Amino acid sequence: MPSLAAHSSTVALTLDLLRRASITPADVGCQELMISRLEKVGFRIEKLTYGEVENFWAVRGSTGPMLCFAGHTDVVPTGPLTDWHSQPFEPEVRDGLLYGRGSADMKSGLAAMVTATEQFVTTNPGHRGQIAFLVTSDEEGPSVDGTKKVVETLKERGQKIDWCIVGEPSSETTLGDTIKIGRRGSLSGRLTVHGVQGHIAYPHLAENPIHTLAPALAELVSREWDRGNDHFQPTSFQVSNFNAGTGAPNIIPGELKMRFNLRYSPVQTLAGLKETVETVLRKHGVRYTLDWHLSGEPFYTPKGPLSDAVCAAVAASTGTHPKLSTGGGTSDGRFIAALGAQIVELGVVNASIHKVDEHVRLDDIDGLHRMYVEVLERLLA
């Protein structure tokens, strides 16, 4: 394996972070690595631990507009180790690619944030405004005691954030080809359909919840919820889990359980989505219990200082302008939006995230560092 000793400070920090098996919600010292470096360049650190989740909030400066870097140190489980070509927490470089769990999602992004900030404050010690970091170890898990809880704490204090860069891997094919300027909302439902169990030869003495739900489910799945808008894809209804029956071939089940999710655009309202689903269920005579869970409401960052600075930084590095997207899953940006922030996600290529042999291009790690420096220069120099 090629030596890793001669790489840049950003790659070196990425390697240090990758060697820590921070499977959600564990942090395993990743945040301490970041904190120790940020303290040296003048950041005030506040550790915020909720349950078993470690978070920190760091600020440099005291007045003026605030640019916040946000990210997570936790990673998803590795999957079967035998499927990896190298150990997931022993980073290895092969053909210009750095392999390891979290290399793309998103420890290289965290490293680039830290080293870009170090470089910027060294050359601009009296920079205007404030720089902040909001880092959690609960993004890949339930997302209850992480950024969500930190934002609640900050909101109680009246804290505002003007601009936020989330270091999630936003790029699709090449570094900077896509940035996220918003995300759809995510509304999940746990549906229980109540029936009457019975012998399959005597259906008139039973009530089959599968048969009862089928017409309603067909309508929900085939429905055109909306057509989205210029910035958001249409709302999508998807079933994720479906379970009924005892396993015996001669019993009509007495109950059905289903989980579903609506990824929705801002043309919808939360109340309207819930009412539509329940109206369809009632229309078809379904006897049900339904528990709702909102993972996050949609957010959108219009053209403004942050998106202009990020697009200019990408163009300066690559010679091309990024595609502005609201696609994909949710991110912790959905919580940070509550603090009034404009939010842009800019990170490395996402093609290998959550997969076996997750990797990132070495050149992209340093490229992302340069983009972050450029954004800092444009907004706070």
Protein backbone atom coordinates (compact mmCIF):
# COMPACT_ATOMS: atom_id res chain seq x y z
CA MET A 1 0.00 0.00 0.00
CA PRO A 2 1.35 3.49 -0.82
CA SER A 3 2.55 5.58 2.09
CA LEU A 4 -0.03 7.94 3.56
CA ALA A 5 2.52 10.09 5.37
CA ALA A 6 3.14 12.74 2.71
CA HIS A 7 -0.43 13.88 2.11
CA SER A 8 -1.93 17.30 2.85
CA SER A 9 -3.15 18.33 6.29
CA THR A 10 -6.75 17.82 5.13
CA VAL A 11 -6.09 14.27 4.00
CA ALA A 12 -4.12 13.62 7.20
CA LEU A 13 -7.06 14.75 9.35
CA THR A 14 -9.42 12.63 7.25
CA LEU A 15 -7.21 9.61 7.96
CA ASP A 16 -7.24 10.32 11.70
CA LEU A 17 -11.03 10.51 11.66
CA LEU A 18 -11.40 7.36 9.57
CA ARG A 19 -9.38 5.28 12.02
CA ARG A 20 -12.09 5.81 14.64
CA ALA A 21 -14.90 3.29 14.32
CA SER A 22 -17.64 5.81 15.04
CA ILE A 23 -20.64 3.69 14.12
CA THR A 24 -23.76 5.66 15.04
CA PRO A 25 -24.22 6.99 17.67
CA ALA A 26 -20.63 6.48 18.82
CA ASP A 27 -18.13 9.30 18.26
CA VAL A 28 -14.96 7.53 19.47
CA GLY A 29 -12.95 10.73 19.85
CA CYS A 30 -13.64 12.26 16.43
CA GLN A 31 -15.10 15.41 17.91
CA GLU A 32 -12.19 15.81 20.31
CA LEU A 33 -9.85 15.81 17.31
CA MET A 34 -11.82 18.64 15.74
CA ILE A 35 -12.27 20.54 18.99
CA SER A 36 -8.55 20.50 19.82
CA ARG A 37 -7.74 22.11 16.48
CA LEU A 38 -10.55 24.67 16.58
CA GLU A 39 -9.59 25.77 20.10
CA LYS A 40 -6.08 26.56 18.84
CA VAL A 41 -7.46 29.08 16.33
CA GLY A 42 -9.70 30.90 18.78
CA PHE A 43 -13.00 29.01 18.90
CA ARG A 44 -15.13 28.90 22.02
CA ILE A 45 -16.30 25.30 22.46
CA GLU A 46 -19.50 24.05 24.04
CA LYS A 47 -19.96 20.30 24.37
CA LEU A 48 -23.62 19.28 24.33
CA THR A 49 -24.29 15.67 25.26
CA TYR A 50 -27.84 14.33 25.18
CA GLY A 51 -28.34 10.70 26.14
CA GLU A 52 -25.53 8.75 24.49
CA VAL A 53 -25.06 11.30 21.72
CA GLU A 54 -22.10 13.68 21.69
CA ASN A 55 -22.43 17.07 19.98
CA PHE A 56 -20.50 20.30 20.02
CA TRP A 57 -21.16 23.92 19.16
CA ALA A 58 -18.14 26.13 18.46
CA VAL A 59 -18.00 29.84 17.66
CA ARG A 60 -15.26 32.28 16.68
CA GLY A 61 -16.14 35.97 16.75
CA SER A 62 -18.98 37.71 18.57
CA THR A 63 -20.82 40.05 16.19
CA GLY A 64 -21.90 40.23 12.60
CA PRO A 65 -23.20 37.59 10.21
CA MET A 66 -22.60 33.95 11.13
CA LEU A 67 -21.39 31.26 8.75
CA CYS A 68 -21.86 27.80 10.26
CA PHE A 69 -20.27 24.56 9.11
CA ALA A 70 -22.42 21.55 10.02
CA GLY A 71 -21.79 17.82 9.86
CA HIS A 72 -21.71 14.48 11.62
CA THR A 73 -18.99 12.19 12.91
CA ASP A 74 -21.12 9.03 13.05
CA VAL A 75 -21.14 6.51 10.21
CA VAL A 76 -23.40 3.66 9.17
CA PRO A 77 -22.45 0.04 10.00
CA THR A 78 -19.94 -1.63 7.72
CA GLY A 79 -21.93 -4.63 6.56
CA PRO A 80 -20.06 -7.95 6.11
CA LEU A 81 -16.33 -7.34 6.61
CA THR A 82 -15.57 -10.16 4.18
CA ASP A 83 -17.08 -8.06 1.38
CA TRP A 84 -14.59 -5.24 1.89
CA HIS A 85 -11.29 -5.27 -0.01
CA SER A 86 -9.62 -3.52 2.94
CA GLN A 87 -10.60 -3.02 6.56
CA PRO A 88 -13.26 -0.29 6.81
CA PHE A 89 -11.55 1.48 9.72
CA GLU A 90 -8.01 1.04 8.44
CA PRO A 91 -7.95 3.59 5.60
CA GLU A 92 -6.17 2.53 2.44
CA VAL A 93 -5.33 4.33 -0.80
CA ARG A 94 -5.66 2.48 -4.09
CA ASP A 95 -5.42 4.15 -7.49
CA GLY A 96 -5.93 7.64 -6.11
CA LEU A 97 -8.96 6.66 -4.05
CA LEU A 98 -9.11 6.65 -0.26
CA TYR A 99 -11.17 3.72 1.07
CA GLY A 100 -12.82 3.53 4.47
CA ARG A 101 -16.21 3.76 6.13
CA GLY A 102 -17.09 7.44 6.35
CA SER A 103 -14.55 8.55 3.75
CA ALA A 104 -17.28 10.15 1.65
CA ASP A 105 -20.06 10.39 4.24
CA MET A 106 -18.70 12.57 5.68
CA LYS A 107 -15.32 12.60 7.42
CA SER A 108 -13.50 14.09 4.45
CA GLY A 109 -16.03 16.93 4.58
CA LEU A 110 -15.40 17.46 8.29
CA ALA A 111 -11.65 17.54 7.72
CA ALA A 112 -12.00 20.06 4.89
CA MET A 113 -14.14 22.32 7.09
CA VAL A 114 -11.55 22.34 9.86
CA THR A 115 -8.47 22.88 7.70
CA ALA A 116 -10.20 25.50 5.53
CA THR A 117 -11.15 27.40 8.67
CA GLU A 118 -7.60 27.11 10.05
CA GLN A 119 -6.19 28.53 6.83
CA PHE A 120 -8.75 31.32 6.63
CA VAL A 121 -8.37 32.58 10.21
CA THR A 122 -4.59 32.41 9.98
CA THR A 123 -4.61 34.77 7.00
CA ASN A 124 -7.66 36.74 8.23
CA PRO A 125 -7.33 36.88 12.04
CA GLY A 126 -9.61 39.93 12.20
CA HIS A 127 -12.25 38.58 9.81
CA ARG A 128 -15.70 40.08 9.95
CA GLY A 129 -18.65 38.21 11.36
CA GLN A 130 -18.63 34.84 13.09
CA ILE A 131 -17.69 31.30 12.13
CA ALA A 132 -19.47 28.42 13.84
CA PHE A 133 -19.40 24.62 13.85
CA LEU A 134 -22.38 22.40 14.70
CA VAL A 135 -21.27 18.77 14.81
CA THR A 136 -23.21 15.70 15.95
CA SER A 137 -22.83 11.92 16.25
CA ASP A 138 -26.54 11.25 15.61
CA GLU A 139 -27.19 11.91 11.92
CA GLU A 140 -27.10 8.33 10.68
CA GLY A 141 -29.27 7.11 13.57
CA PRO A 142 -32.61 8.28 14.98
CA SER A 143 -31.58 11.96 14.72
CA VAL A 144 -33.28 12.73 18.02
CA ASP A 145 -30.44 13.69 20.38
CA GLY A 146 -28.18 15.23 17.78
CA THR A 147 -28.58 18.33 15.62
CA LYS A 148 -32.29 18.44 16.37
CA LYS A 149 -31.68 18.76 20.12
CA VAL A 150 -28.78 21.20 19.68
CA VAL A 151 -30.95 23.43 17.49
CA GLU A 152 -33.71 23.36 20.12
CA THR A 153 -31.16 24.49 22.73
CA LEU A 154 -29.80 27.25 20.48
CA LYS A 155 -33.30 28.41 19.56
CA GLU A 156 -34.20 28.80 23.23
CA ARG A 157 -31.22 31.16 23.54
CA GLY A 158 -32.34 33.20 20.55
CA GLN A 159 -29.35 32.08 18.46
CA LYS A 160 -29.56 32.89 14.76
CA ILE A 161 -27.47 31.50 11.90
CA ASP A 162 -27.23 33.49 8.69
CA TRP A 163 -25.52 30.95 6.43
CA CYS A 164 -24.89 27.25 6.87
CA ILE A 165 -22.79 24.87 4.80
CA VAL A 166 -23.60 21.21 5.44
CA GLY A 167 -20.73 19.00 4.35
CA GLU A 168 -22.86 16.10 3.14
CA PRO A 169 -21.61 14.42 -0.07
CA SER A 170 -23.70 16.39 -2.55
CA SER A 171 -21.69 15.82 -5.73
CA GLU A 172 -22.89 13.21 -8.22
CA THR A 173 -20.08 12.51 -10.68
CA THR A 174 -17.37 15.10 -10.13
CA LEU A 175 -16.60 17.37 -7.20
CA GLY A 176 -18.89 20.38 -7.16
CA ASP A 177 -21.11 19.29 -10.05
CA THR A 178 -24.17 19.43 -7.75
CA ILE A 179 -25.02 21.34 -4.60
CA LYS A 180 -28.17 20.99 -2.53
CA ILE A 181 -30.19 24.16 -1.94
CA GLY A 182 -33.07 22.44 -0.16
CA ARG A 183 -34.67 19.11 0.65
CA ARG A 184 -38.13 17.65 0.50
CA GLY A 185 -40.05 17.02 3.70
CA SER A 186 -40.35 13.50 5.08
CA LEU A 187 -43.58 12.30 6.69
CA SER A 188 -43.90 8.66 7.78
CA GLY A 189 -46.90 6.67 8.91
CA ARG A 190 -47.34 3.49 10.96
CA LEU A 191 -50.65 2.05 9.86
CA THR A 192 -52.49 -0.78 11.61
CA VAL A 193 -55.53 -2.16 9.79
CA HIS A 194 -57.95 -3.97 12.07
CA GLY A 195 -59.73 -7.08 10.85
CA VAL A 196 -61.25 -10.25 12.29
CA GLN A 197 -59.19 -13.45 12.30
CA GLY A 198 -60.86 -16.59 11.05
CA HIS A 199 -60.66 -19.82 9.10
CA ILE A 200 -59.80 -19.25 5.47
CA ALA A 201 -62.63 -21.59 4.41
CA TYR A 202 -65.20 -19.39 6.17
CA PRO A 203 -64.42 -15.85 4.99
CA HIS A 204 -67.94 -14.66 5.83
CA LEU A 205 -67.10 -15.18 9.50
CA ALA A 206 -63.90 -13.10 9.30
CA GLU A 207 -62.69 -9.72 8.03
CA ASN A 208 -59.50 -9.82 5.99
CA PRO A 209 -57.51 -6.60 6.58
CA ILE A 210 -55.42 -7.23 3.45
CA HIS A 211 -58.50 -7.26 1.26
CA THR A 212 -59.89 -4.22 3.07
CA LEU A 213 -56.74 -2.18 2.56
CA ALA A 214 -56.03 -3.21 -1.05
CA PRO A 215 -58.33 -0.70 -2.85
CA ALA A 216 -57.20 2.17 -0.61
CA LEU A 217 -53.54 1.29 -1.08
CA ALA A 218 -53.99 1.11 -4.85
CA GLU A 219 -55.45 4.62 -4.82
CA LEU A 220 -52.68 6.03 -2.61
CA VAL A 221 -49.93 4.46 -4.72
CA SER A 222 -51.35 5.57 -8.07
CA ARG A 223 -52.31 9.08 -6.93
CA GLU A 224 -50.64 12.10 -8.50
CA TRP A 225 -50.05 14.08 -5.33
CA ASP A 226 -48.69 17.10 -7.16
CA ARG A 227 -46.28 18.01 -9.93
CA GLY A 228 -43.69 19.65 -7.71
CA ASN A 229 -42.41 23.05 -8.77
CA ASP A 230 -39.39 24.62 -10.42
CA HIS A 231 -37.13 23.51 -7.57
CA PHE A 232 -38.73 20.37 -6.14
CA GLN A 233 -39.65 16.94 -7.47
CA PRO A 234 -43.29 15.80 -7.16
CA THR A 235 -44.42 14.35 -3.85
CA SER A 236 -43.85 10.59 -3.60
CA PHE A 237 -45.77 7.94 -1.61
CA GLN A 238 -43.85 4.73 -0.90
CA VAL A 239 -44.55 1.63 1.21
CA SER A 240 -41.48 0.47 3.15
CA ASN A 241 -42.84 -2.40 5.28
CA PHE A 242 -45.93 -4.62 5.03
CA ASN A 243 -46.79 -7.46 7.38
CA ALA A 244 -49.87 -9.61 8.03
CA GLY A 245 -50.70 -13.21 8.83
CA THR A 246 -49.51 -15.91 11.19
CA GLY A 247 -47.55 -17.91 8.63
CA ALA A 248 -50.25 -20.56 8.49
CA PRO A 249 -51.92 -21.06 5.09
CA ASN A 250 -55.45 -21.53 6.45
CA ILE A 251 -55.90 -18.47 8.70
CA ILE A 252 -57.29 -15.10 7.67
CA PRO A 253 -55.21 -12.55 9.58
CA GLY A 254 -56.84 -10.32 12.13
CA GLU A 255 -54.43 -7.44 11.69
CA LEU A 256 -52.15 -5.82 9.12
CA LYS A 257 -49.26 -3.50 9.81
CA MET A 258 -47.76 -1.21 7.19
CA ARG A 259 -45.19 1.54 7.21
CA PHE A 260 -45.11 4.18 4.50
CA ASN A 261 -43.40 7.46 3.73
CA LEU A 262 -44.29 10.64 1.90
CA ARG A 263 -41.41 12.73 0.54
CA TYR A 264 -43.17 15.98 -0.15
CA SER A 265 -42.51 19.30 -1.78
CA PRO A 266 -43.48 22.73 -0.37
CA VAL A 267 -46.58 22.78 -2.58
CA GLN A 268 -48.09 20.45 0.04
CA THR A 269 -48.97 21.14 3.65
CA LEU A 270 -48.44 18.71 6.50
CA ALA A 271 -52.10 18.86 7.52
CA GLY A 272 -53.22 18.40 3.93
CA LEU A 273 -51.13 15.25 3.43
CA LYS A 274 -52.45 13.65 6.59
CA GLU A 275 -56.04 14.51 5.71
CA THR A 276 -55.70 13.10 2.19
CA VAL A 277 -54.36 9.75 3.41
CA GLU A 278 -57.02 9.37 6.06
CA THR A 279 -59.80 10.44 3.70
CA VAL A 280 -58.80 7.67 1.27
CA LEU A 281 -58.71 5.09 4.08
CA ARG A 282 -62.17 6.11 5.33
CA LYS A 283 -63.57 6.20 1.80
CA HIS A 284 -62.75 2.51 1.38
CA GLY A 285 -64.09 1.51 4.79
CA VAL A 286 -60.73 0.68 6.34
CA ARG A 287 -60.78 0.27 10.12
CA TYR A 288 -57.41 1.57 11.18
CA THR A 289 -55.07 3.15 13.69
CA LEU A 290 -52.46 5.50 12.26
CA ASP A 291 -49.45 7.06 13.99
CA TRP A 292 -47.64 9.85 12.18
CA HIS A 293 -43.96 10.82 12.43
CA LEU A 294 -42.50 13.94 10.87
CA SER A 295 -38.77 13.57 10.14
CA GLY A 296 -38.45 17.05 8.74
CA GLU A 297 -40.29 19.74 6.84
CA PRO A 298 -39.08 20.90 3.44
CA PHE A 299 -36.65 23.79 3.23
CA TYR A 300 -35.32 25.86 0.35
CA THR A 301 -32.54 28.42 -0.02
CA PRO A 302 -33.27 30.98 -2.76
CA LYS A 303 -30.58 32.84 -4.66
CA GLY A 304 -28.63 35.00 -2.25
CA PRO A 305 -25.21 35.60 -0.67
CA LEU A 306 -24.61 31.98 0.37
CA SER A 307 -25.64 30.26 -2.85
CA ASP A 308 -23.80 32.93 -4.86
CA ALA A 309 -20.62 32.39 -2.82
CA VAL A 310 -20.79 28.60 -3.08
CA CYS A 311 -21.46 28.65 -6.83
CA ALA A 312 -18.59 31.10 -7.34
CA ALA A 313 -16.27 28.92 -5.24
CA VAL A 314 -17.13 25.86 -7.30
CA ALA A 315 -16.68 27.78 -10.55
CA ALA A 316 -13.31 29.13 -9.42
CA SER A 317 -12.12 25.58 -8.68
CA THR A 318 -13.67 23.63 -11.57
CA GLY A 319 -14.46 26.20 -14.25
CA THR A 320 -18.11 25.10 -14.28
CA HIS A 321 -21.24 26.07 -12.38
CA PRO A 322 -22.93 23.46 -10.17
CA LYS A 323 -26.41 22.09 -10.68
CA LEU A 324 -28.75 23.31 -7.94
CA SER A 325 -30.73 20.38 -6.53
CA THR A 326 -33.30 19.56 -3.86
CA GLY A 327 -33.28 15.82 -4.57
CA GLY A 328 -32.19 12.93 -2.41
CA GLY A 329 -32.99 12.09 1.18
CA THR A 330 -33.12 14.29 4.24
CA SER A 331 -30.18 15.92 5.99
CA ASP A 332 -29.66 17.77 9.26
CA GLY A 333 -30.22 20.95 7.29
CA ARG A 334 -33.92 20.37 7.96
CA PHE A 335 -33.34 21.15 11.64
CA ILE A 336 -30.90 24.03 11.14
CA ALA A 337 -33.41 25.81 8.90
CA ALA A 338 -35.40 26.57 12.07
CA LEU A 339 -32.65 29.03 13.09
CA GLY A 340 -33.37 31.16 10.02
CA ALA A 341 -30.34 29.99 8.07
CA GLN A 342 -29.80 29.91 4.36
CA ILE A 343 -28.50 26.36 3.82
CA VAL A 344 -26.35 24.85 1.09
CA GLU A 345 -24.92 21.34 1.05
CA LEU A 346 -21.53 21.04 -0.62
CA GLY A 347 -19.46 17.90 -0.37
CA VAL A 348 -17.65 15.14 -2.21
CA VAL A 349 -19.09 12.58 -4.66
CA ASN A 350 -21.83 10.45 -3.14
CA ALA A 351 -21.72 7.38 -5.42
CA SER A 352 -20.20 5.04 -2.79
CA ILE A 353 -21.87 6.25 0.41
CA HIS A 354 -23.33 3.56 2.71
CA LYS A 355 -21.83 0.89 0.42
CA VAL A 356 -19.10 -1.68 0.89
CA ASP A 357 -15.73 -0.18 -0.10
CA GLU A 358 -16.90 3.39 0.46
CA HIS A 359 -14.29 5.75 -0.97
CA VAL A 360 -13.40 9.30 -1.94
CA ARG A 361 -10.94 10.69 -4.48
CA LEU A 362 -7.85 12.02 -2.72
CA ASP A 363 -7.79 15.05 -5.01
CA ASP A 364 -11.40 15.84 -4.09
CA ILE A 365 -10.55 16.12 -0.40
CA ASP A 366 -8.12 18.94 -1.09
CA GLY A 367 -10.46 20.37 -3.73
CA LEU A 368 -13.26 20.61 -1.18
CA HIS A 369 -10.86 22.33 1.24
CA ARG A 370 -10.13 24.97 -1.41
CA MET A 371 -13.85 25.51 -2.10
CA TYR A 372 -14.56 26.05 1.60
CA VAL A 373 -11.70 28.54 1.87
CA GLU A 374 -13.10 30.42 -1.13
CA VAL A 375 -16.57 30.61 0.45
CA LEU A 376 -15.08 31.95 3.69
CA GLU A 377 -13.12 34.55 1.75
CA ARG A 378 -16.18 35.70 -0.16
CA LEU A 379 -18.48 35.97 2.84
CA LEU A 380 -16.27 36.97 5.78
CA ALA A 381 -12.95 38.42 4.56
